[in-house]
Amino acid sequence: MFQMFQAAWRHVPVRICAIAIFFFGFAGAATGPFQSVVAIQELGLSDATYSLVIFIAAVINVSASVLIGILADRLGEFRKPLVAVTLVGILGHGLIYFLASTTAFLIAALVFLPIFGALNSLIFANVRAFSQGLPPAELSRINSAVRATISLSWVLVPGLVGLVLSGASSMLPAYLIALLACCVCLVLFQAFLPPVPRGDISLLPVVRFSASLMRILKPAVLVRIVGVALITSTLHVNAALLPLITVNVAGGTLGDVGIVVGIVAVLEIVFIVFWAHVEPKLGPVLTIGIGTVLYVAYLALLGQCTAPWQVYALSLLSGLGAAAIISLPITYLQSLIPDLAGLGSSLISVNMFLSAGLSALLFGLGTLVSDYSGTALLGGLAGLAGTVLIFTLDGRRQPATA
């Protein structure tokens, strides 16, 4: 059970990355649940303006992740980009906390924080670079361990921050907490992370910027990204439907929603370990497919819930399927462009962006032509379509590369 954590911990650079991604998640978990409250209630943004801000920020984040990934590949090492992006995060969180104005929030939310979000894919890129030459099973365990670490931060931090600030008149101090978490990342990268991976990455040929971008657009890569995005979109569909079904259909409360989300988050960490043990035996594509089918079954059952206890009862199935979908595609996506760790890892952000967009379309279409139950089924069908697509392409062999 602990093999994946041992695999990550025995390599010093990977260990540093795992600790750093915990504090990266710490920063996001400290501010993410309270960002809308700060923006709308404390700083006076309208609902429409805030919606536009988070959309533009998502576009900037995915663009920054790809461009910074390409830049890191051209540099041949990741420490400098990691330090630079972390400094941007410190500046962004500091702007919001110390200036506490609408202008400062907009600048930070539209420029600095989306760039800081690229740290996620950069850390996975650095892990990939340091893991060159390791057996695929060990690489998968390492990625799962790092992904479980960031999940742990989202389990622990929101409740702690909410508790600390429960009597405060403002949630802005959450950004100070995030700033301090960024400072920990900076110390880790600057003082403890070796500047160059084991030498393999520095021997790679320098690829032109435009040529790197075109690697993503090659049909062999793009169709697989779409397949994974269809699978990942099920998570976003559930995020939209779970509160609505729990409160409006099953007769529960928002408190029930919070408890269920917390239970599933804890179960995800446990089941990430489980899937890391299963994947080397079944292969990445089959394992992703099994996890997706389980999550589709959960969505179908969620749409039939008529009482709060039924939503609670589905937590086990939800956590099992979600753990596969959030952890297993990381290695699969990186393998699509295996010779460029930065660009390959930026596909993680591309997938997150595409899946969020697809889920918005699915939710809009589903609620237009059907009810919440029908929308859940539509989201599940999209996940199954993605599973069929990647299984058809790679079910009997390793993922093709560009």
Protein backbone atom coordinates (compact mmCIF):
# COMPACT_ATOMS: atom_id res chain seq x y z
CA MET A 1 0.00 0.00 0.00
CA PHE A 2 2.84 2.34 0.80
CA GLN A 3 4.93 1.47 -2.26
CA MET A 4 3.97 4.63 -4.10
CA PHE A 5 5.01 6.86 -1.20
CA GLN A 6 8.26 4.95 -0.81
CA ALA A 7 8.92 5.35 -4.53
CA ALA A 8 8.52 9.13 -4.25
CA TRP A 9 10.38 9.50 -0.96
CA ARG A 10 13.51 7.58 -1.93
CA HIS A 11 14.39 10.17 -4.62
CA VAL A 12 15.42 13.45 -2.97
CA PRO A 13 14.32 15.78 -5.82
CA VAL A 14 10.96 14.02 -6.07
CA ARG A 15 10.57 14.27 -2.31
CA ILE A 16 11.15 18.03 -2.48
CA CYS A 17 8.58 18.30 -5.29
CA ALA A 18 6.04 16.32 -3.25
CA ILE A 19 6.46 18.63 -0.27
CA ALA A 20 6.31 21.68 -2.54
CA ILE A 21 3.11 20.58 -4.25
CA PHE A 22 1.52 20.15 -0.84
CA PHE A 23 2.20 23.81 -0.12
CA PHE A 24 1.10 24.78 -3.64
CA GLY A 25 -2.17 23.01 -2.89
CA PHE A 26 -2.14 24.67 0.53
CA ALA A 27 -2.16 28.09 -1.15
CA GLY A 28 -5.03 27.16 -3.44
CA ALA A 29 -7.03 25.44 -0.71
CA ALA A 30 -6.58 28.42 1.62
CA THR A 31 -8.06 30.87 -0.87
CA GLY A 32 -10.13 28.93 -3.42
CA PRO A 33 -13.19 28.23 -1.25
CA PHE A 34 -13.32 31.88 -0.14
CA GLN A 35 -12.34 33.69 -3.35
CA SER A 36 -15.87 34.43 -4.50
CA VAL A 37 -16.75 35.79 -1.07
CA VAL A 38 -13.74 38.13 -1.12
CA ALA A 39 -14.34 39.23 -4.71
CA ILE A 40 -18.09 39.77 -4.57
CA GLN A 41 -18.99 40.53 -0.97
CA GLU A 42 -15.84 42.27 0.25
CA LEU A 43 -14.44 43.97 -2.87
CA GLY A 44 -17.71 44.66 -4.68
CA LEU A 45 -17.42 42.74 -7.95
CA SER A 46 -20.71 41.80 -9.58
CA ASP A 47 -21.59 38.17 -10.21
CA ALA A 48 -21.22 38.65 -13.97
CA THR A 49 -17.85 40.36 -13.62
CA TYR A 50 -16.54 37.63 -11.34
CA SER A 51 -17.69 34.94 -13.78
CA LEU A 52 -15.83 36.71 -16.59
CA VAL A 53 -12.73 37.04 -14.43
CA ILE A 54 -12.54 33.33 -13.59
CA PHE A 55 -13.07 32.41 -17.27
CA ILE A 56 -10.30 34.72 -18.49
CA ALA A 57 -8.07 33.50 -15.66
CA ALA A 58 -8.59 29.90 -16.82
CA VAL A 59 -7.56 30.82 -20.37
CA ILE A 60 -4.46 32.61 -19.09
CA ASN A 61 -3.59 29.68 -16.83
CA VAL A 62 -3.65 27.07 -19.57
CA SER A 63 -1.72 29.39 -21.93
CA ALA A 64 0.89 30.11 -19.25
CA SER A 65 1.25 26.41 -18.43
CA VAL A 66 1.99 25.54 -22.06
CA LEU A 67 4.32 28.48 -22.70
CA ILE A 68 6.25 28.11 -19.44
CA GLY A 69 6.53 24.36 -20.04
CA ILE A 70 8.07 25.01 -23.45
CA LEU A 71 10.43 27.60 -21.96
CA ALA A 72 11.53 25.15 -19.25
CA ASP A 73 12.26 22.52 -21.91
CA ARG A 74 14.39 25.03 -23.81
CA LEU A 75 16.29 25.95 -20.63
CA GLY A 76 16.97 22.27 -19.98
CA GLU A 77 16.10 22.52 -16.29
CA PHE A 78 13.15 23.45 -14.11
CA ARG A 79 14.44 25.11 -10.96
CA LYS A 80 14.59 28.63 -12.42
CA PRO A 81 11.04 28.49 -13.83
CA LEU A 82 9.78 27.01 -10.56
CA VAL A 83 11.37 29.85 -8.58
CA ALA A 84 10.09 32.51 -11.00
CA VAL A 85 6.52 31.21 -11.00
CA THR A 86 6.54 30.95 -7.21
CA LEU A 87 7.68 34.57 -6.94
CA VAL A 88 4.74 35.53 -9.16
CA GLY A 89 2.44 33.70 -6.73
CA ILE A 90 3.91 35.56 -3.77
CA LEU A 91 3.35 38.86 -5.56
CA GLY A 92 -0.24 37.97 -6.54
CA HIS A 93 -1.36 36.90 -3.10
CA GLY A 94 0.46 39.85 -1.56
CA LEU A 95 -1.31 42.32 -3.85
CA ILE A 96 -4.74 41.11 -2.76
CA TYR A 97 -3.95 40.99 0.94
CA PHE A 98 -1.93 44.18 1.38
CA LEU A 99 -3.77 46.45 -1.06
CA ALA A 100 -7.25 44.96 -0.52
CA SER A 101 -8.81 46.77 -3.47
CA THR A 102 -10.85 45.78 -6.49
CA THR A 103 -8.05 46.86 -8.84
CA ALA A 104 -5.47 44.84 -6.98
CA PHE A 105 -7.74 41.79 -7.01
CA LEU A 106 -8.35 42.07 -10.76
CA ILE A 107 -4.63 42.43 -11.53
CA ALA A 108 -3.75 39.50 -9.32
CA ALA A 109 -6.62 37.27 -10.47
CA LEU A 110 -6.09 37.98 -14.17
CA VAL A 111 -2.27 38.01 -14.31
CA PHE A 112 -0.31 36.76 -11.33
CA LEU A 113 -2.45 33.96 -9.91
CA PRO A 114 -3.16 32.24 -13.27
CA ILE A 115 0.59 32.20 -13.94
CA PHE A 116 1.18 30.86 -10.44
CA GLY A 117 -1.28 28.08 -11.28
CA ALA A 118 1.24 26.81 -13.86
CA LEU A 119 3.33 25.64 -10.90
CA ASN A 120 1.19 22.48 -10.78
CA SER A 121 2.24 21.23 -14.21
CA LEU A 122 5.81 22.51 -13.70
CA ILE A 123 6.21 20.40 -10.57
CA PHE A 124 4.95 17.32 -12.40
CA ALA A 125 7.34 18.17 -15.25
CA ASN A 126 10.23 18.36 -12.81
CA VAL A 127 9.21 15.01 -11.31
CA ARG A 128 9.10 13.56 -14.81
CA ALA A 129 12.55 14.91 -15.63
CA PHE A 130 14.08 13.47 -12.47
CA SER A 131 12.33 10.16 -13.12
CA GLN A 132 13.77 9.58 -16.59
CA GLY A 133 14.86 5.98 -16.92
CA LEU A 134 12.72 4.62 -14.11
CA PRO A 135 10.39 1.69 -14.83
CA PRO A 136 6.91 2.84 -15.95
CA ALA A 137 5.28 1.24 -12.90
CA GLU A 138 7.51 3.22 -10.53
CA LEU A 139 6.90 6.44 -12.46
CA SER A 140 3.16 5.87 -12.15
CA ARG A 141 3.51 5.30 -8.39
CA ILE A 142 5.53 8.50 -8.06
CA ASN A 143 2.93 10.56 -9.95
CA SER A 144 0.17 9.03 -7.84
CA ALA A 145 2.02 9.88 -4.64
CA VAL A 146 2.50 13.50 -5.73
CA ARG A 147 -1.15 13.75 -6.75
CA ALA A 148 -2.25 12.29 -3.42
CA THR A 149 -0.15 14.90 -1.64
CA ILE A 150 -1.95 17.81 -3.28
CA SER A 151 -5.28 16.12 -2.52
CA LEU A 152 -4.25 15.93 1.13
CA SER A 153 -3.81 19.69 1.24
CA TRP A 154 -7.38 20.17 -0.01
CA VAL A 155 -8.65 17.80 2.67
CA LEU A 156 -6.86 19.55 5.53
CA VAL A 157 -6.58 23.22 4.68
CA PRO A 158 -10.05 24.66 3.87
CA GLY A 159 -11.49 23.56 7.19
CA LEU A 160 -8.46 24.80 9.14
CA VAL A 161 -8.50 28.20 7.42
CA GLY A 162 -12.24 28.47 7.90
CA LEU A 163 -11.80 27.66 11.59
CA VAL A 164 -9.00 30.19 12.06
CA LEU A 165 -10.93 32.95 10.31
CA SER A 166 -14.39 32.02 11.58
CA GLY A 167 -14.54 35.05 13.88
CA ALA A 168 -12.84 37.47 11.51
CA SER A 169 -14.64 40.31 9.76
CA SER A 170 -12.80 39.57 6.50
CA MET A 171 -11.53 36.52 4.64
CA LEU A 172 -8.60 38.48 3.17
CA PRO A 173 -6.13 36.97 5.68
CA ALA A 174 -6.55 33.72 3.71
CA TYR A 175 -4.36 35.35 1.07
CA LEU A 176 -1.68 36.04 3.67
CA ILE A 177 -1.77 32.35 4.61
CA ALA A 178 -1.42 31.47 0.91
CA LEU A 179 1.49 33.90 0.59
CA LEU A 180 3.30 32.14 3.43
CA ALA A 181 2.70 28.77 1.73
CA CYS A 182 4.24 30.21 -1.44
CA CYS A 183 7.27 31.31 0.58
CA VAL A 184 7.75 27.72 1.75
CA CYS A 185 7.72 26.60 -1.90
CA LEU A 186 10.30 29.26 -2.74
CA VAL A 187 12.65 28.05 0.00
CA LEU A 188 12.24 24.45 -1.13
CA PHE A 189 13.02 25.23 -4.76
CA GLN A 190 15.83 27.67 -4.10
CA ALA A 191 17.63 25.90 -1.27
CA PHE A 192 16.95 22.19 -1.68
CA LEU A 193 16.11 21.37 -5.30
CA PRO A 194 19.08 20.47 -7.55
CA PRO A 195 19.35 22.89 -10.50
CA VAL A 196 19.56 20.23 -13.20
CA PRO A 197 17.91 16.79 -13.37
CA ARG A 198 20.19 13.79 -13.67
CA GLY A 199 21.55 15.01 -16.97
CA ASP A 200 19.08 13.34 -19.32
CA ILE A 201 16.92 16.38 -19.87
CA SER A 202 19.85 18.66 -20.68
CA LEU A 203 20.87 16.37 -23.55
CA LEU A 204 17.58 16.83 -25.36
CA PRO A 205 17.65 18.79 -28.62
CA VAL A 206 16.36 22.34 -28.48
CA VAL A 207 12.98 22.46 -30.19
CA ARG A 208 11.67 25.67 -31.73
CA PHE A 209 8.87 27.40 -29.88
CA SER A 210 6.40 27.07 -32.75
CA ALA A 211 7.34 23.44 -33.31
CA SER A 212 6.67 22.70 -29.64
CA LEU A 213 3.21 24.24 -29.87
CA MET A 214 2.44 22.19 -32.97
CA ARG A 215 3.20 19.01 -31.05
CA ILE A 216 0.01 19.53 -29.05
CA LEU A 217 -2.03 20.08 -32.22
CA LYS A 218 -0.92 16.89 -33.92
CA PRO A 219 -3.94 14.59 -34.38
CA ALA A 220 -2.26 11.71 -32.53
CA VAL A 221 -1.91 13.91 -29.44
CA LEU A 222 -5.00 16.07 -29.74
CA VAL A 223 -7.49 13.22 -30.09
CA ARG A 224 -6.12 11.60 -26.94
CA ILE A 225 -6.30 14.87 -25.02
CA VAL A 226 -9.95 15.15 -26.03
CA GLY A 227 -10.57 11.58 -24.87
CA VAL A 228 -9.07 12.26 -21.44
CA ALA A 229 -10.94 15.60 -21.23
CA LEU A 230 -14.25 13.80 -21.83
CA ILE A 231 -13.40 11.48 -18.95
CA THR A 232 -12.30 14.29 -16.63
CA SER A 233 -15.40 16.34 -17.48
CA THR A 234 -17.42 13.88 -15.38
CA LEU A 235 -15.79 15.33 -12.25
CA HIS A 236 -16.92 18.84 -13.17
CA VAL A 237 -20.43 17.66 -14.03
CA ASN A 238 -20.64 16.06 -10.60
CA ALA A 239 -19.37 19.25 -8.93
CA ALA A 240 -22.30 21.12 -10.48
CA LEU A 241 -24.93 18.45 -9.90
CA LEU A 242 -24.11 17.20 -6.40
CA PRO A 243 -25.29 20.33 -4.52
CA LEU A 244 -28.36 20.72 -6.73
CA ILE A 245 -29.48 17.10 -6.41
CA THR A 246 -28.70 16.91 -2.70
CA VAL A 247 -30.62 20.08 -1.82
CA ASN A 248 -33.35 20.33 -4.45
CA VAL A 249 -34.14 16.66 -5.14
CA ALA A 250 -32.95 14.59 -2.20
CA GLY A 251 -34.11 17.08 0.41
CA GLY A 252 -30.72 17.59 2.04
CA THR A 253 -28.88 20.74 3.07
CA LEU A 254 -25.70 22.54 2.05
CA GLY A 255 -24.21 21.11 5.24
CA ASP A 256 -24.82 17.64 3.81
CA VAL A 257 -23.03 18.70 0.63
CA GLY A 258 -19.99 19.87 2.58
CA ILE A 259 -19.83 16.64 4.60
CA VAL A 260 -20.14 14.46 1.49
CA VAL A 261 -17.43 16.43 -0.33
CA GLY A 262 -15.13 16.03 2.68
CA ILE A 263 -15.78 12.29 2.91
CA VAL A 264 -15.08 11.82 -0.80
CA ALA A 265 -11.87 13.88 -0.57
CA VAL A 266 -10.55 11.61 2.18
CA LEU A 267 -11.57 8.48 0.27
CA GLU A 268 -9.83 9.79 -2.85
CA ILE A 269 -6.49 9.78 -1.06
CA VAL A 270 -7.00 6.17 0.07
CA PHE A 271 -8.11 5.02 -3.36
CA ILE A 272 -5.28 6.82 -5.17
CA VAL A 273 -3.03 4.37 -3.32
CA PHE A 274 -5.27 1.51 -4.44
CA TRP A 275 -5.20 2.50 -8.11
CA ALA A 276 -1.41 2.99 -8.01
CA HIS A 277 -1.19 -0.66 -6.92
CA VAL A 278 -3.61 -1.86 -9.61
CA GLU A 279 -2.29 0.10 -12.61
CA PRO A 280 1.02 -1.79 -13.10
CA LYS A 281 -0.95 -5.05 -13.33
CA LEU A 282 -3.69 -3.93 -15.72
CA GLY A 283 -1.99 -1.14 -17.64
CA PRO A 284 -2.86 2.59 -17.60
CA VAL A 285 -5.62 2.63 -20.22
CA LEU A 286 -7.60 -0.32 -18.85
CA THR A 287 -7.27 1.01 -15.31
CA ILE A 288 -8.47 4.47 -16.34
CA GLY A 289 -11.37 2.81 -18.14
CA ILE A 290 -12.41 0.77 -15.10
CA GLY A 291 -12.27 3.85 -12.87
CA THR A 292 -14.33 5.84 -15.35
CA VAL A 293 -17.00 3.15 -15.63
CA LEU A 294 -17.29 3.12 -11.83
CA TYR A 295 -17.67 6.89 -11.77
CA VAL A 296 -20.27 6.81 -14.54
CA ALA A 297 -22.22 4.30 -12.46
CA TYR A 298 -21.99 6.71 -9.55
CA LEU A 299 -23.34 9.59 -11.68
CA ALA A 300 -26.24 7.46 -12.91
CA LEU A 301 -27.14 6.50 -9.33
CA LEU A 302 -26.74 10.07 -8.10
CA GLY A 303 -29.40 11.16 -10.56
CA GLN A 304 -31.82 8.73 -8.92
CA CYS A 305 -31.28 9.86 -5.33
CA THR A 306 -34.39 10.93 -3.44
CA ALA A 307 -33.03 11.09 0.12
CA PRO A 308 -29.82 12.43 1.73
CA TRP A 309 -28.74 8.99 3.01
CA GLN A 310 -28.57 7.77 -0.57
CA VAL A 311 -26.12 10.57 -1.48
CA TYR A 312 -24.01 9.61 1.54
CA ALA A 313 -24.14 5.95 0.55
CA LEU A 314 -22.68 6.77 -2.86
CA SER A 315 -19.59 8.42 -1.34
CA LEU A 316 -17.60 5.17 -1.48
CA LEU A 317 -18.28 4.65 -5.18
CA SER A 318 -17.67 8.33 -5.90
CA GLY A 319 -14.31 8.32 -4.12
CA LEU A 320 -13.21 5.12 -5.85
CA GLY A 321 -14.00 6.38 -9.35
CA ALA A 322 -12.82 9.94 -8.78
CA ALA A 323 -9.45 8.76 -7.44
CA ALA A 324 -8.78 6.99 -10.73
CA ILE A 325 -9.82 9.95 -12.85
CA ILE A 326 -7.77 12.55 -10.96
CA SER A 327 -4.56 10.53 -10.66
CA LEU A 328 -4.16 8.00 -13.48
CA PRO A 329 -4.38 10.31 -16.55
CA ILE A 330 -1.32 12.29 -15.41
CA THR A 331 1.21 9.70 -16.57
CA TYR A 332 -0.85 8.95 -19.68
CA LEU A 333 -0.86 12.62 -20.71
CA GLN A 334 2.86 13.04 -20.02
CA SER A 335 3.59 10.00 -22.19
CA LEU A 336 2.00 11.68 -25.21
CA ILE A 337 5.07 13.93 -25.52
CA PRO A 338 7.66 11.96 -23.55
CA ASP A 339 10.81 13.69 -24.79
CA LEU A 340 9.74 17.16 -23.56
CA ALA A 341 8.86 16.99 -19.88
CA GLY A 342 7.65 20.59 -19.63
CA LEU A 343 5.40 20.47 -22.67
CA GLY A 344 4.13 16.98 -21.85
CA SER A 345 3.23 17.98 -18.32
CA SER A 346 1.50 21.15 -19.53
CA LEU A 347 -1.10 18.81 -21.07
CA ILE A 348 -2.36 18.36 -17.50
CA SER A 349 -3.48 22.01 -17.53
CA VAL A 350 -4.81 21.71 -21.08
CA ASN A 351 -6.90 18.75 -19.97
CA MET A 352 -8.26 20.63 -16.96
CA PHE A 353 -9.27 23.57 -19.16
CA LEU A 354 -10.90 21.46 -21.87
CA SER A 355 -12.73 19.25 -19.38
CA ALA A 356 -14.13 22.28 -17.57
CA GLY A 357 -15.38 23.70 -20.87
CA LEU A 358 -16.89 20.39 -21.93
CA SER A 359 -18.64 20.01 -18.58
CA ALA A 360 -20.18 23.47 -18.94
CA LEU A 361 -21.56 22.46 -22.34
CA LEU A 362 -22.84 19.14 -21.00
CA PHE A 363 -24.50 20.78 -18.01
CA GLY A 364 -26.11 23.45 -20.19
CA LEU A 365 -27.35 20.95 -22.74
CA GLY A 366 -28.50 18.45 -20.12
CA THR A 367 -30.51 20.95 -18.10
CA LEU A 368 -31.97 22.39 -21.30
CA VAL A 369 -33.40 19.14 -22.63
CA SER A 370 -33.79 17.15 -19.43
CA ASP A 371 -33.65 17.28 -15.62
CA TYR A 372 -30.74 16.74 -13.23
CA SER A 373 -31.01 12.98 -13.62
CA GLY A 374 -30.77 13.27 -17.39
CA THR A 375 -27.85 15.65 -17.07
CA ALA A 376 -26.02 13.13 -14.88
CA LEU A 377 -26.57 10.45 -17.51
CA LEU A 378 -25.35 12.77 -20.27
CA GLY A 379 -22.19 13.50 -18.30
CA GLY A 380 -21.70 9.78 -17.79
CA LEU A 381 -22.11 9.10 -21.51
CA ALA A 382 -19.41 11.67 -22.25
CA GLY A 383 -17.08 9.87 -19.86
CA LEU A 384 -17.83 6.55 -21.52
CA ALA A 385 -17.17 8.09 -24.94
CA GLY A 386 -13.76 9.26 -23.75
CA THR A 387 -13.02 5.79 -22.36
CA VAL A 388 -13.95 4.10 -25.63
CA LEU A 389 -11.81 6.58 -27.56
CA ILE A 390 -8.57 6.09 -25.63
CA PHE A 391 -9.15 2.35 -25.29
CA THR A 392 -9.64 2.05 -29.05
CA LEU A 393 -6.40 3.95 -29.65
CA ASP A 394 -4.19 2.61 -26.87
CA GLY A 395 -5.96 -0.25 -25.14
CA ARG A 396 -3.62 -2.88 -26.51
CA ARG A 397 -0.38 -0.91 -26.59
CA GLN A 398 1.45 2.04 -25.12
CA PRO A 399 0.12 5.50 -25.96
CA ALA A 400 1.33 6.80 -29.29
CA THR A 401 3.61 9.82 -29.17
CA ALA A 402 4.10 12.77 -31.44
